[in-house]
Amino acid sequence: MSKISIIKEFWEFLKVRKKWWLTPIIFFLLLLGALLILTQGSALAPFIYAIF
């Protein structure tokens, strides 16, 4: 199963089940994950981890 099909299936789930409140939660989790991955090797890492 490809990543595109998972995204497509999740989108269909949101449309059919009317679970639009999940969208900001998923967006925030993806953004937070990207932030942690991108700052892992930088000088900002200790400050990012100190927030959490």
Protein backbone atom coordinates (compact mmCIF):
# COMPACT_ATOMS: atom_id res chain seq x y z
CA MET A 1 0.00 0.00 0.00
CA SER A 2 1.53 3.28 -1.06
CA LYS A 3 1.59 6.49 0.94
CA ILE A 4 -0.69 8.18 -1.59
CA SER A 5 -3.37 5.55 -1.15
CA ILE A 6 -3.23 5.94 2.65
CA ILE A 7 -3.73 9.70 2.31
CA LYS A 8 -6.53 9.16 -0.17
CA GLU A 9 -8.24 6.63 2.10
CA PHE A 10 -7.94 9.00 5.08
CA TRP A 11 -9.44 11.82 3.00
CA GLU A 12 -12.38 9.60 2.03
CA PHE A 13 -12.84 8.69 5.70
CA LEU A 14 -13.01 12.36 6.65
CA LYS A 15 -15.54 13.10 3.91
CA VAL A 16 -17.83 10.15 4.63
CA ARG A 17 -17.71 10.22 8.43
CA LYS A 18 -17.67 14.04 8.72
CA LYS A 19 -14.68 14.00 11.08
CA TRP A 20 -13.33 17.39 10.05
CA TRP A 21 -12.15 18.11 13.59
CA LEU A 22 -9.37 15.53 13.03
CA THR A 23 -7.78 17.63 10.28
CA PRO A 24 -6.09 20.27 12.49
CA ILE A 25 -4.86 17.57 14.89
CA ILE A 26 -3.25 15.56 12.09
CA PHE A 27 -1.79 18.72 10.55
CA PHE A 28 -0.26 19.79 13.87
CA LEU A 29 1.22 16.34 14.51
CA LEU A 30 2.77 16.25 11.03
CA LEU A 31 4.17 19.75 11.50
CA LEU A 32 5.60 18.85 14.91
CA GLY A 33 7.16 15.66 13.53
CA ALA A 34 8.74 17.56 10.65
CA LEU A 35 10.12 20.16 13.07
CA LEU A 36 11.71 17.49 15.26
CA ILE A 37 13.22 15.67 12.29
CA LEU A 38 14.58 18.82 10.64
CA THR A 39 16.16 20.22 13.82
CA GLN A 40 17.58 16.91 15.02
CA GLY A 41 21.15 17.64 13.99
CA SER A 42 21.21 21.39 14.37
CA ALA A 43 22.20 23.75 17.14
CA LEU A 44 18.50 24.45 17.79
CA ALA A 45 17.82 20.88 18.94
CA PRO A 46 18.42 21.49 22.68
CA PHE A 47 16.02 24.44 22.64
CA ILE A 48 13.31 22.54 20.74
CA TYR A 49 13.52 19.57 23.11
CA ALA A 50 13.45 21.89 26.12
CA ILE A 51 10.01 23.11 25.06
CA PHE A 52 8.55 19.63 25.40
